[in-house]
N, C-alpha and C. Protein backbone atom coordinates (compact mmCIF):
# COMPACT_ATOMS: atom_id res chain seq x y z
N MET A 1 -14.57 -13.83 0.52
CA MET A 1 -13.81 -12.80 1.20
C MET A 1 -12.33 -13.17 1.14
N LYS A 2 -11.50 -12.13 1.12
CA LYS A 2 -10.06 -12.34 1.07
C LYS A 2 -9.57 -13.12 2.30
N LYS A 3 -8.42 -13.75 2.15
CA LYS A 3 -7.84 -14.50 3.24
C LYS A 3 -7.12 -13.60 4.24
N GLY A 4 -6.58 -12.52 3.78
CA GLY A 4 -5.87 -11.59 4.65
C GLY A 4 -5.55 -10.33 3.87
N PHE A 5 -5.05 -9.34 4.55
CA PHE A 5 -4.74 -8.06 3.93
C PHE A 5 -3.31 -7.69 4.30
N LYS A 6 -2.41 -7.64 3.29
CA LYS A 6 -1.01 -7.30 3.55
C LYS A 6 -0.86 -5.80 3.69
N LEU A 7 -0.11 -5.44 4.69
CA LEU A 7 0.08 -4.05 5.04
C LEU A 7 1.58 -3.78 5.13
N LYS A 8 2.02 -2.69 4.52
CA LYS A 8 3.42 -2.28 4.65
C LYS A 8 3.46 -0.99 5.44
N LEU A 9 4.34 -0.96 6.42
CA LEU A 9 4.47 0.21 7.28
C LEU A 9 5.94 0.55 7.47
N LYS A 10 6.25 1.83 7.40
CA LYS A 10 7.59 2.28 7.78
C LYS A 10 7.62 2.32 9.30
N ARG A 11 8.81 2.29 9.85
CA ARG A 11 8.94 2.21 11.31
C ARG A 11 8.21 3.35 12.03
N ASP A 12 8.34 4.57 11.53
CA ASP A 12 7.70 5.69 12.23
C ASP A 12 6.17 5.56 12.22
N ILE A 13 5.61 5.05 11.13
CA ILE A 13 4.16 4.84 11.07
C ILE A 13 3.76 3.71 12.02
N ALA A 14 4.56 2.64 12.04
CA ALA A 14 4.27 1.51 12.93
C ALA A 14 4.28 1.96 14.39
N GLU A 15 5.26 2.77 14.77
CA GLU A 15 5.32 3.27 16.14
C GLU A 15 4.16 4.20 16.45
N ALA A 16 3.79 5.04 15.49
CA ALA A 16 2.65 5.95 15.69
C ALA A 16 1.35 5.17 15.83
N MET A 17 1.18 4.12 15.03
CA MET A 17 -0.02 3.29 15.14
C MET A 17 -0.08 2.62 16.50
N GLU A 18 1.05 2.14 16.96
CA GLU A 18 1.10 1.50 18.28
C GLU A 18 0.66 2.48 19.37
N GLN A 19 1.13 3.71 19.31
CA GLN A 19 0.76 4.73 20.30
C GLN A 19 -0.72 5.10 20.17
N LEU A 20 -1.21 5.19 18.94
CA LEU A 20 -2.60 5.55 18.71
C LEU A 20 -3.53 4.49 19.29
N ILE A 21 -3.20 3.23 19.06
CA ILE A 21 -4.03 2.14 19.58
C ILE A 21 -3.95 2.10 21.11
N ASP A 22 -2.76 2.33 21.66
CA ASP A 22 -2.62 2.40 23.12
C ASP A 22 -3.52 3.49 23.70
N GLY A 23 -3.60 4.62 23.01
CA GLY A 23 -4.48 5.71 23.46
C GLY A 23 -5.94 5.31 23.42
N LEU A 24 -6.33 4.55 22.40
CA LEU A 24 -7.71 4.08 22.29
C LEU A 24 -8.07 3.16 23.46
N VAL A 25 -7.14 2.31 23.82
CA VAL A 25 -7.38 1.36 24.91
C VAL A 25 -7.69 2.10 26.21
N LYS A 26 -7.08 3.26 26.40
CA LYS A 26 -7.25 4.02 27.64
C LYS A 26 -8.59 4.77 27.69
N LEU A 27 -9.27 4.90 26.55
CA LEU A 27 -10.56 5.58 26.54
C LEU A 27 -11.62 4.75 27.25
N ASP A 28 -12.54 5.42 27.86
CA ASP A 28 -13.65 4.74 28.53
C ASP A 28 -14.79 4.59 27.52
N LEU A 29 -14.76 3.50 26.78
CA LEU A 29 -15.75 3.26 25.73
C LEU A 29 -16.93 2.48 26.31
N SER A 30 -18.12 3.00 26.11
CA SER A 30 -19.30 2.32 26.63
C SER A 30 -20.03 1.53 25.55
N ASP A 31 -19.82 1.90 24.29
CA ASP A 31 -20.51 1.25 23.18
C ASP A 31 -19.81 -0.07 22.82
N ASP A 32 -20.56 -1.16 22.75
CA ASP A 32 -19.98 -2.47 22.44
C ASP A 32 -19.33 -2.50 21.05
N ASP A 33 -19.89 -1.78 20.10
CA ASP A 33 -19.29 -1.73 18.76
C ASP A 33 -17.90 -1.11 18.81
N ASP A 34 -17.75 -0.05 19.60
CA ASP A 34 -16.43 0.59 19.75
C ASP A 34 -15.46 -0.34 20.46
N LYS A 35 -15.96 -1.07 21.45
CA LYS A 35 -15.10 -2.02 22.17
C LYS A 35 -14.61 -3.13 21.24
N LEU A 36 -15.49 -3.60 20.37
CA LEU A 36 -15.11 -4.62 19.40
C LEU A 36 -14.06 -4.08 18.43
N LEU A 37 -14.24 -2.87 17.99
CA LEU A 37 -13.28 -2.22 17.09
C LEU A 37 -11.91 -2.14 17.76
N VAL A 38 -11.88 -1.68 19.00
CA VAL A 38 -10.62 -1.56 19.72
C VAL A 38 -9.99 -2.93 19.95
N ALA A 39 -10.79 -3.94 20.25
CA ALA A 39 -10.26 -5.29 20.46
C ALA A 39 -9.56 -5.79 19.20
N ALA A 40 -10.14 -5.54 18.05
CA ALA A 40 -9.52 -5.96 16.78
C ALA A 40 -8.21 -5.21 16.55
N LEU A 41 -8.21 -3.92 16.86
CA LEU A 41 -6.99 -3.13 16.68
C LEU A 41 -5.90 -3.54 17.68
N VAL A 42 -6.30 -3.95 18.87
CA VAL A 42 -5.33 -4.42 19.86
C VAL A 42 -4.65 -5.70 19.37
N GLU A 43 -5.42 -6.58 18.74
CA GLU A 43 -4.82 -7.80 18.17
C GLU A 43 -3.75 -7.42 17.15
N MET A 44 -4.04 -6.44 16.32
CA MET A 44 -3.07 -5.97 15.34
C MET A 44 -1.85 -5.37 16.04
N ARG A 45 -2.12 -4.59 17.07
CA ARG A 45 -1.04 -3.93 17.81
C ARG A 45 -0.09 -4.93 18.46
N LEU A 46 -0.62 -6.03 18.96
CA LEU A 46 0.24 -7.05 19.59
C LEU A 46 1.24 -7.62 18.60
N ARG A 47 0.79 -7.89 17.38
CA ARG A 47 1.71 -8.41 16.36
C ARG A 47 2.68 -7.33 15.89
N LEU A 48 2.19 -6.10 15.85
CA LEU A 48 3.04 -4.97 15.47
C LEU A 48 4.14 -4.78 16.51
N TYR A 49 3.79 -4.91 17.77
CA TYR A 49 4.77 -4.79 18.85
C TYR A 49 5.90 -5.81 18.68
N ASP A 50 5.53 -7.05 18.33
CA ASP A 50 6.55 -8.08 18.10
C ASP A 50 7.46 -7.71 16.94
N LYS A 51 6.89 -7.15 15.89
CA LYS A 51 7.69 -6.76 14.72
C LYS A 51 8.65 -5.63 15.07
N LEU A 52 8.21 -4.70 15.90
CA LEU A 52 9.04 -3.54 16.23
C LEU A 52 10.24 -3.88 17.10
N LYS A 53 10.28 -5.08 17.64
CA LYS A 53 11.44 -5.52 18.41
C LYS A 53 12.68 -5.62 17.53
N HIS A 54 12.47 -5.79 16.23
CA HIS A 54 13.56 -5.91 15.27
C HIS A 54 13.69 -4.61 14.49
N GLN A 55 14.88 -4.03 14.50
CA GLN A 55 15.11 -2.77 13.79
C GLN A 55 15.05 -2.99 12.28
N GLN A 56 14.08 -2.38 11.66
CA GLN A 56 13.94 -2.42 10.21
C GLN A 56 13.40 -1.08 9.77
N GLY A 57 13.58 -0.76 8.50
CA GLY A 57 13.02 0.47 7.97
C GLY A 57 11.56 0.32 7.60
N GLU A 58 11.20 -0.91 7.17
CA GLU A 58 9.82 -1.17 6.75
C GLU A 58 9.39 -2.54 7.26
N TYR A 59 8.12 -2.64 7.61
CA TYR A 59 7.56 -3.87 8.15
C TYR A 59 6.38 -4.29 7.30
N THR A 60 6.18 -5.60 7.20
CA THR A 60 5.01 -6.15 6.52
C THR A 60 4.18 -6.88 7.57
N LEU A 61 2.91 -6.62 7.57
CA LEU A 61 2.00 -7.22 8.52
C LEU A 61 0.77 -7.69 7.74
N THR A 62 0.41 -8.95 7.92
CA THR A 62 -0.80 -9.46 7.28
C THR A 62 -1.93 -9.39 8.29
N LEU A 63 -2.91 -8.56 7.97
CA LEU A 63 -4.06 -8.39 8.85
C LEU A 63 -5.12 -9.43 8.55
N THR A 64 -5.84 -9.84 9.57
CA THR A 64 -7.01 -10.68 9.36
C THR A 64 -8.08 -9.79 8.72
N ASN A 65 -9.12 -10.40 8.20
CA ASN A 65 -10.21 -9.62 7.62
C ASN A 65 -10.80 -8.66 8.64
N VAL A 66 -10.98 -9.14 9.85
CA VAL A 66 -11.56 -8.31 10.92
C VAL A 66 -10.65 -7.12 11.23
N GLU A 67 -9.35 -7.35 11.33
CA GLU A 67 -8.41 -6.27 11.63
C GLU A 67 -8.39 -5.23 10.52
N ALA A 68 -8.39 -5.70 9.27
CA ALA A 68 -8.36 -4.77 8.13
C ALA A 68 -9.61 -3.89 8.13
N LEU A 69 -10.75 -4.51 8.32
CA LEU A 69 -12.00 -3.74 8.34
C LEU A 69 -12.07 -2.82 9.56
N ALA A 70 -11.54 -3.27 10.69
CA ALA A 70 -11.50 -2.43 11.89
C ALA A 70 -10.63 -1.20 11.66
N LEU A 71 -9.52 -1.38 10.97
CA LEU A 71 -8.64 -0.26 10.68
C LEU A 71 -9.34 0.77 9.80
N ARG A 72 -10.11 0.30 8.82
CA ARG A 72 -10.87 1.20 7.95
C ARG A 72 -11.96 1.93 8.74
N ILE A 73 -12.69 1.20 9.55
CA ILE A 73 -13.75 1.81 10.37
C ILE A 73 -13.14 2.83 11.34
N PHE A 74 -12.02 2.48 11.92
CA PHE A 74 -11.33 3.39 12.85
C PHE A 74 -11.01 4.71 12.14
N PHE A 75 -10.45 4.62 10.94
CA PHE A 75 -10.13 5.85 10.22
C PHE A 75 -11.40 6.64 9.93
N CYS A 76 -12.40 5.98 9.39
CA CYS A 76 -13.62 6.67 8.96
C CYS A 76 -14.39 7.29 10.13
N GLN A 77 -14.44 6.61 11.26
CA GLN A 77 -15.25 7.10 12.38
C GLN A 77 -14.49 7.98 13.38
N PHE A 78 -13.20 7.75 13.53
CA PHE A 78 -12.47 8.46 14.57
C PHE A 78 -11.45 9.47 14.03
N ILE A 79 -10.86 9.20 12.88
CA ILE A 79 -9.72 10.00 12.43
C ILE A 79 -10.08 10.96 11.30
N ALA A 80 -10.90 10.55 10.36
CA ALA A 80 -11.14 11.32 9.14
C ALA A 80 -11.59 12.76 9.41
N ASN A 81 -12.34 12.98 10.46
CA ASN A 81 -12.86 14.32 10.73
C ASN A 81 -11.98 15.14 11.68
N GLN A 82 -10.86 14.58 12.08
CA GLN A 82 -9.97 15.29 13.00
C GLN A 82 -9.09 16.27 12.22
N LYS A 83 -8.77 17.36 12.85
CA LYS A 83 -7.90 18.35 12.24
C LYS A 83 -6.46 17.81 12.21
N GLN A 84 -5.84 17.95 11.05
CA GLN A 84 -4.46 17.49 10.90
C GLN A 84 -3.50 18.57 11.38
N THR A 85 -2.39 18.11 11.90
CA THR A 85 -1.29 19.00 12.26
C THR A 85 -0.06 18.51 11.50
N PRO A 86 0.98 19.30 11.45
CA PRO A 86 2.20 18.81 10.78
C PRO A 86 2.71 17.49 11.39
N ASN A 87 2.46 17.30 12.69
CA ASN A 87 2.91 16.08 13.36
C ASN A 87 2.06 14.86 13.00
N THR A 88 0.80 15.07 12.62
CA THR A 88 -0.09 13.95 12.36
C THR A 88 -0.39 13.73 10.88
N ALA A 89 0.07 14.61 10.03
CA ALA A 89 -0.28 14.55 8.60
C ALA A 89 0.19 13.25 7.94
N GLN A 90 1.38 12.80 8.25
CA GLN A 90 1.91 11.58 7.63
C GLN A 90 1.08 10.35 8.04
N LEU A 91 0.76 10.25 9.31
CA LEU A 91 -0.05 9.13 9.79
C LEU A 91 -1.45 9.20 9.20
N TYR A 92 -2.02 10.40 9.17
CA TYR A 92 -3.36 10.59 8.59
C TYR A 92 -3.37 10.12 7.14
N HIS A 93 -2.39 10.55 6.38
CA HIS A 93 -2.32 10.19 4.96
C HIS A 93 -2.18 8.67 4.79
N TRP A 94 -1.33 8.05 5.59
CA TRP A 94 -1.15 6.60 5.51
C TRP A 94 -2.45 5.88 5.86
N LEU A 95 -3.13 6.32 6.92
CA LEU A 95 -4.39 5.71 7.31
C LEU A 95 -5.46 5.89 6.22
N GLN A 96 -5.49 7.05 5.61
CA GLN A 96 -6.46 7.30 4.55
C GLN A 96 -6.22 6.38 3.36
N LEU A 97 -4.97 6.27 2.93
CA LEU A 97 -4.64 5.37 1.82
C LEU A 97 -4.96 3.92 2.16
N THR A 98 -4.64 3.51 3.36
CA THR A 98 -4.91 2.14 3.79
C THR A 98 -6.41 1.88 3.86
N ALA A 99 -7.17 2.83 4.40
CA ALA A 99 -8.63 2.68 4.47
C ALA A 99 -9.21 2.53 3.07
N ASN A 100 -8.71 3.29 2.12
CA ASN A 100 -9.19 3.19 0.74
C ASN A 100 -8.83 1.85 0.12
N GLU A 101 -7.63 1.35 0.39
CA GLU A 101 -7.22 0.04 -0.12
C GLU A 101 -8.09 -1.07 0.48
N VAL A 102 -8.38 -0.98 1.75
CA VAL A 102 -9.25 -1.97 2.41
C VAL A 102 -10.63 -1.93 1.79
N HIS A 103 -11.13 -0.74 1.56
CA HIS A 103 -12.46 -0.60 0.95
C HIS A 103 -12.50 -1.28 -0.42
N ARG A 104 -11.48 -1.04 -1.24
CA ARG A 104 -11.42 -1.68 -2.56
C ARG A 104 -11.30 -3.20 -2.45
N ALA A 105 -10.52 -3.66 -1.49
CA ALA A 105 -10.29 -5.09 -1.34
C ALA A 105 -11.53 -5.85 -0.87
N TYR A 106 -12.36 -5.18 -0.08
CA TYR A 106 -13.51 -5.86 0.51
C TYR A 106 -14.85 -5.38 -0.05
N ALA A 107 -14.81 -4.56 -1.08
CA ALA A 107 -16.06 -4.03 -1.67
C ALA A 107 -16.80 -5.12 -2.44
């Protein structure tokens, strides 16, 4: 298995991901699998929060194997079937591309 998964995010995507994960944390999840998924995404969010303290146009984040796979599962199970709006299209597209890259990396 790979050692890590490098991720590049523009600031607006990084901020949107941070908000999306914050929203997940507020959900009342009863399934342990969903809780594990959110826990992995929260770990990613904590490092993302530290990166966002510094003004940059683009950020690089190296995800652990668990975080990378959690991001892919999150897209496939929670986001892929949601209706896109003009406000969410850019984030949706980025998540879809990232999920596909993770799939190729860990296939």
